[in-house]
Each structure stands twice: as C-alpha cells, then as structure tokens.
C-alpha cells in the first residue's frame, strides 16, 4: 500500500464529492482558472511544441482549461487515483497528444514519459498534502523536469503565518461558502463543518507561502512570486533559468 492509498483521495466517493462541490468550497475557483489561462497565454502559448505536465490532475480540469485556449499542446497528467484518471480521460476525450500516468505526486515513477522536459508544469490542490521536506524535494524535481525558461504554477492552500491571520482567513472562507450555499440546490452541510474537516484532516499539511516561495528559490527558480491570494487560497510559481 502506498502513502496515497492511505489518504481520503484514494476513495472514489471522496473525490466525486469534491468535484461536484468544488466551486462552493474553493474560494474564487473560477477566477483562479482564468488566471491560469492568462498566465498560459502570456508566457507559454507562443512557444513551439508545447509540453504540459499536470501533477495531481484530478478530473483534468486544469489541462482542459489550457486545451480550450490551445489545442495544439501535448500534456501528461499524473494522479494517484485510477478513478480521477478515468474522469480526466473522459473529460479530455477527443484531444490528441494526451498521456496518463497513475502515480501520486510524491511517488512519481522516473519512467520515460516523465524523463522528457516540459514547458509548463501545473498543479492544483495536491501539493499541500506533502510534508515540508516532500515539498522541497518535489520542487527540485519539478525544476529538473522543466525546459530552460519553462514555468511552474501551483494553485493551492497555504498555512497562515500567524494565528490571528488564520482566524481571519477562516472567516473569509466561511463567508465565501455562506454566499455560495445561499444558491438553490446546494447541500445543507454547514460551512463550519467543511472548515473543521479541512483542519482535522491529517492528509492536509499546508506550509506558509513564505516557506514555499523560499523553497522554490532554493531549488533554483527565478521570477518567483505569488500571482494571486485570497485568504489561504493562492497561486504561486516561478521560472527555470535560461541557459546561454
């Protein structure tokens, strides 16, 4: 049994519920997907023969958003859940140049598909399941897998740097969910229960944004920055240096 098999994400019903209600639970999820698309248009789209790596791909929504912008790209999607990979394959049916690898983010095999260089490596709500040391190790590997000048972008949750800020960020999150749950057809689960489950779930191991930005710089990334932040929800990343 792998580390992934011991997590909630190995259960099909857990992943299914997240997909169905992600727009409720994830603050400004649609806006973050729009930022991903803008980032791709600005930094990646005009490169020839673009190769994308989607880590912890879930149902393939990140790659799908990019394919809607640029159907010429090729993509490799990695996830530890066979159920999620099946959903991703169904979502991306009809697109060419798509590869699927069943592996958790921390246990990616070093096979031929993952030995190639990628122009853009992306991830969403997966890396916060890694320990601090595992994050550092992953960032180092991501750097080595990028082509020169390639970019890494992560959409994720982070740990507040102080208890007072954590309380405020949880309030922001609760208010967001309250607004969404006022819409018809939404489940009756209390926002406090959702936030409590996030806090109590030992699968979640968020680190501060500062720590992760520092770890990216330590791995060699340049132009490291936070591209978006709303409470604990953030987008950050960086660029692999060009060789001359």
Protein backbone atom coordinates (compact mmCIF):
# COMPACT_ATOMS: atom_id res chain seq x y z
CA UNK A 1 0.00 0.00 0.00
CA UNK A 2 1.36 3.43 -0.99
CA UNK A 3 1.11 6.65 1.03
CA UNK A 4 -1.58 7.82 -1.41
CA UNK A 5 -3.67 4.69 -0.80
CA UNK A 6 -3.91 5.66 2.88
CA UNK A 7 -5.45 9.08 2.12
CA UNK A 8 -9.05 10.11 1.56
CA UNK A 9 -8.26 10.78 -2.09
CA UNK A 10 -7.90 7.05 -2.69
CA UNK A 11 -11.67 6.74 -2.01
CA UNK A 12 -13.76 7.30 -5.15
CA UNK A 13 -16.68 8.82 -3.25
CA UNK A 14 -14.43 11.43 -1.63
CA UNK A 15 -13.08 12.59 -4.99
CA UNK A 16 -16.56 12.58 -6.52
CA UNK A 17 -17.97 14.84 -3.83
CA UNK A 18 -15.08 17.26 -4.19
CA UNK A 19 -15.63 17.54 -7.95
CA UNK A 20 -19.36 18.16 -7.52
CA UNK A 21 -18.94 20.88 -4.90
CA UNK A 22 -15.52 22.37 -5.67
CA UNK A 23 -16.96 25.70 -6.78
CA UNK A 24 -18.57 26.03 -3.33
CA UNK A 25 -15.59 25.01 -1.22
CA UNK A 26 -12.72 26.53 -3.20
CA UNK A 27 -12.71 30.32 -2.97
CA UNK A 28 -12.85 32.02 -6.38
CA UNK A 29 -12.04 28.75 -8.14
CA UNK A 30 -13.29 30.00 -11.50
CA UNK A 31 -11.22 33.17 -11.14
CA UNK A 32 -8.11 31.11 -10.42
CA UNK A 33 -8.73 29.07 -13.55
CA UNK A 34 -9.00 32.31 -15.51
CA UNK A 35 -5.64 33.43 -14.08
CA UNK A 36 -4.13 30.10 -15.13
CA UNK A 37 -5.38 30.75 -18.67
CA UNK A 38 -4.00 34.29 -18.69
CA UNK A 39 -0.64 33.04 -17.44
CA UNK A 40 -0.54 30.44 -20.22
CA UNK A 41 -1.40 33.00 -22.91
CA UNK A 42 1.27 35.40 -21.67
CA UNK A 43 4.19 33.03 -21.04
CA UNK A 44 3.63 29.71 -22.84
CA UNK A 45 1.21 29.85 -25.78
CA UNK A 46 3.64 31.16 -28.40
CA UNK A 47 6.31 28.55 -27.72
CA UNK A 48 6.62 25.79 -30.37
CA UNK A 49 5.77 22.18 -29.46
CA UNK A 50 4.44 22.97 -26.00
CA UNK A 51 4.52 20.14 -23.45
CA UNK A 52 2.49 20.37 -20.23
CA UNK A 53 2.71 18.28 -17.05
CA UNK A 54 -0.34 18.28 -14.75
CA UNK A 55 0.53 16.95 -11.26
CA UNK A 56 -2.34 15.59 -9.17
CA UNK A 57 -4.58 16.24 -12.16
CA UNK A 58 -7.89 15.11 -10.64
CA UNK A 59 -10.54 15.15 -13.36
CA UNK A 60 -8.24 17.06 -15.72
CA UNK A 61 -9.84 20.48 -15.36
CA UNK A 62 -6.54 22.44 -15.47
CA UNK A 63 -5.38 20.76 -18.65
CA UNK A 64 -8.84 21.15 -20.15
CA UNK A 65 -8.78 24.90 -19.49
CA UNK A 66 -5.46 25.13 -21.35
CA UNK A 67 -6.64 22.95 -24.23
CA UNK A 68 -9.59 25.28 -24.71
CA UNK A 69 -7.03 28.03 -25.29
CA UNK A 70 -4.54 25.97 -27.30
CA UNK A 71 -5.50 22.55 -28.63
CA UNK A 72 -2.02 22.08 -30.14
CA UNK A 73 -0.31 21.40 -26.81
CA UNK A 74 0.59 17.92 -25.60
CA UNK A 75 0.01 17.01 -21.97
CA UNK A 76 0.92 14.38 -19.41
CA UNK A 77 -1.50 14.01 -16.50
CA UNK A 78 -0.42 12.37 -13.24
CA UNK A 79 -2.72 11.28 -10.41
CA UNK A 80 -2.69 8.57 -7.77
CA UNK A 81 -6.38 7.77 -8.25
CA UNK A 82 -7.48 5.49 -11.09
CA UNK A 83 -10.97 6.95 -10.73
CA UNK A 84 -9.68 10.50 -11.26
CA UNK A 85 -7.59 9.48 -14.27
CA UNK A 86 -10.68 7.87 -15.81
CA UNK A 87 -12.59 11.10 -15.28
CA UNK A 88 -9.75 13.09 -16.80
CA UNK A 89 -9.63 10.81 -19.81
CA UNK A 90 -13.38 11.21 -20.27
CA UNK A 91 -13.17 15.00 -19.96
CA UNK A 92 -10.32 15.20 -22.49
CA UNK A 93 -11.77 12.70 -24.94
CA UNK A 94 -11.17 13.90 -28.49
CA UNK A 95 -7.94 15.76 -27.75
CA UNK A 96 -4.69 14.33 -29.12
CA UNK A 97 -1.28 14.07 -27.51
CA UNK A 98 -2.52 13.27 -24.00
CA UNK A 99 -0.71 10.79 -21.71
CA UNK A 100 -1.92 9.47 -18.35
CA UNK A 101 0.29 8.22 -15.51
CA UNK A 102 -1.10 6.69 -12.33
CA UNK A 103 1.16 7.88 -9.53
CA UNK A 104 0.89 10.14 -6.52
CA UNK A 105 2.73 13.44 -6.56
CA UNK A 106 5.32 12.20 -4.06
CA UNK A 107 5.74 8.81 -5.70
CA UNK A 108 6.07 9.67 -9.39
CA UNK A 109 7.96 6.96 -11.28
CA UNK A 110 11.04 8.02 -13.18
CA UNK A 111 9.92 6.39 -16.42
CA UNK A 112 10.36 7.56 -19.99
CA UNK A 113 7.17 9.67 -20.07
CA UNK A 114 8.38 11.71 -17.11
CA UNK A 115 12.00 11.96 -18.28
CA UNK A 116 11.11 14.42 -21.03
CA UNK A 117 11.30 18.17 -20.49
CA UNK A 118 8.12 20.19 -20.04
CA UNK A 119 7.44 23.83 -20.86
CA UNK A 120 4.78 24.26 -18.20
CA UNK A 121 4.21 22.22 -15.03
CA UNK A 122 0.96 22.85 -13.18
CA UNK A 123 -0.80 21.53 -10.10
CA UNK A 124 -3.94 22.29 -8.13
CA UNK A 125 -4.80 21.40 -4.51
CA UNK A 126 -2.40 18.47 -4.41
CA UNK A 127 0.95 19.70 -3.10
CA UNK A 128 -0.45 20.75 0.30
CA UNK A 129 -0.77 17.03 1.04
CA UNK A 130 3.04 16.76 1.12
CA UNK A 131 5.21 17.32 4.17
CA UNK A 132 7.61 20.28 4.20
CA UNK A 133 10.51 18.08 3.17
CA UNK A 134 8.50 16.40 0.43
CA UNK A 135 7.54 19.80 -0.98
CA UNK A 136 11.19 20.80 -1.19
CA UNK A 137 12.07 17.53 -2.88
CA UNK A 138 9.20 17.91 -5.36
CA UNK A 139 10.17 21.48 -6.24
CA UNK A 140 13.67 20.29 -7.00
CA UNK A 141 12.36 17.57 -9.27
CA UNK A 142 9.92 19.94 -10.96
CA UNK A 143 12.82 22.27 -11.70
CA UNK A 144 14.81 19.44 -13.28
CA UNK A 145 11.82 18.42 -15.43
CA UNK A 146 11.27 21.89 -16.88
CA UNK A 147 12.80 23.00 -20.15
CA UNK A 148 15.02 26.09 -19.93
CA UNK A 149 12.76 29.09 -19.43
CA UNK A 150 9.82 26.84 -18.51
CA UNK A 151 7.34 27.75 -15.79
CA UNK A 152 5.81 26.09 -12.75
CA UNK A 153 2.44 27.23 -11.37
CA UNK A 154 0.65 25.86 -8.32
CA UNK A 155 -2.93 26.59 -7.24
CA UNK A 156 -3.21 25.55 -3.59
CA UNK A 157 -3.96 26.33 0.03
CA UNK A 158 -1.28 27.64 2.37
CA UNK A 159 -0.79 27.94 6.12
CA UNK A 160 -1.37 31.37 7.62
CA UNK A 161 1.85 32.76 9.13
CA UNK A 162 0.14 33.77 12.41
CA UNK A 163 -2.86 32.52 14.45
CA UNK A 164 -4.66 35.87 14.17
CA UNK A 165 -4.42 35.74 10.39
CA UNK A 166 -5.55 32.13 10.38
CA UNK A 167 -8.72 33.13 12.21
CA UNK A 168 -9.36 35.92 9.70
CA UNK A 169 -8.71 33.65 6.71
CA UNK A 170 -11.10 31.04 8.07
CA UNK A 171 -13.71 33.78 8.41
CA UNK A 172 -13.18 34.81 4.79
CA UNK A 173 -13.59 31.19 3.75
CA UNK A 174 -16.76 30.76 5.82
CA UNK A 175 -18.27 33.93 4.31
CA UNK A 176 -17.50 32.67 0.79
CA UNK A 177 -19.19 29.33 1.46
CA UNK A 178 -22.17 31.05 3.10
CA UNK A 179 -22.70 33.09 -0.06
CA UNK A 180 -22.47 30.03 -2.31
CA UNK A 181 -24.78 27.94 -0.15
CA UNK A 182 -27.49 30.58 -0.38
CA UNK A 183 -27.98 29.45 -4.00
CA UNK A 184 -30.74 26.91 -4.76
CA UNK A 185 -29.84 23.24 -5.00
CA UNK A 186 -26.82 23.43 -2.69
CA UNK A 187 -26.31 20.82 0.05
CA UNK A 188 -27.13 21.62 3.67
CA UNK A 189 -23.69 20.98 5.15
CA UNK A 190 -22.66 23.81 7.46
CA UNK A 191 -19.65 25.91 6.40
CA UNK A 192 -18.13 25.37 9.84
CA UNK A 193 -18.20 21.61 9.27
CA UNK A 194 -16.35 21.97 5.98
CA UNK A 195 -13.65 24.13 7.53
CA UNK A 196 -13.40 21.84 10.56
CA UNK A 197 -12.92 18.81 8.31
CA UNK A 198 -10.13 20.65 6.49
CA UNK A 199 -8.44 21.48 9.79
CA UNK A 200 -8.83 18.00 11.25
CA UNK A 201 -7.83 16.06 8.14
CA UNK A 202 -4.29 14.77 8.65
CA UNK A 203 -3.92 14.45 4.87
CA UNK A 204 -3.63 18.26 4.79
CA UNK A 205 -0.10 19.52 5.53
CA UNK A 206 -0.04 23.13 4.32
CA UNK A 207 3.05 25.28 4.75
CA UNK A 208 3.25 29.05 4.69
CA UNK A 209 3.51 30.86 1.40
CA UNK A 210 6.87 32.29 2.50
CA UNK A 211 8.24 28.79 3.10
CA UNK A 212 7.17 27.56 -0.31
CA UNK A 213 8.38 30.65 -2.14
CA UNK A 214 11.70 30.20 -0.36
CA UNK A 215 11.80 26.52 -1.29
CA UNK A 216 11.25 27.40 -4.95
CA UNK A 217 14.10 29.90 -4.87
CA UNK A 218 16.31 27.34 -3.14
CA UNK A 219 15.52 24.87 -5.94
CA UNK A 220 16.80 27.43 -8.48
CA UNK A 221 13.59 29.08 -9.69
CA UNK A 222 13.65 32.70 -10.80
CA UNK A 223 10.81 35.25 -11.02
CA UNK A 224 9.23 33.50 -8.04
CA UNK A 225 6.10 35.22 -6.83
CA UNK A 226 2.54 34.90 -5.56
CA UNK A 227 0.28 35.55 -8.56
CA UNK A 228 -2.98 35.56 -6.58
CA UNK A 229 -4.12 35.22 -2.96
CA UNK A 230 -7.47 35.17 -1.16
CA UNK A 231 -7.02 34.03 2.45
CA UNK A 232 -5.44 30.58 2.37
CA UNK A 233 -6.11 30.11 -1.35
CA UNK A 234 -3.21 31.12 -3.54
CA UNK A 235 -1.40 30.79 -6.86
CA UNK A 236 2.38 30.89 -6.83
CA UNK A 237 5.23 29.70 -9.01
CA UNK A 238 8.39 30.57 -10.86
CA UNK A 239 10.56 30.15 -13.94
CA UNK A 240 13.52 27.92 -14.71
CA UNK A 241 16.51 29.98 -15.73
CA UNK A 242 17.59 30.21 -19.37
CA UNK A 243 20.97 28.84 -20.38
CA UNK A 244 23.17 30.86 -22.69
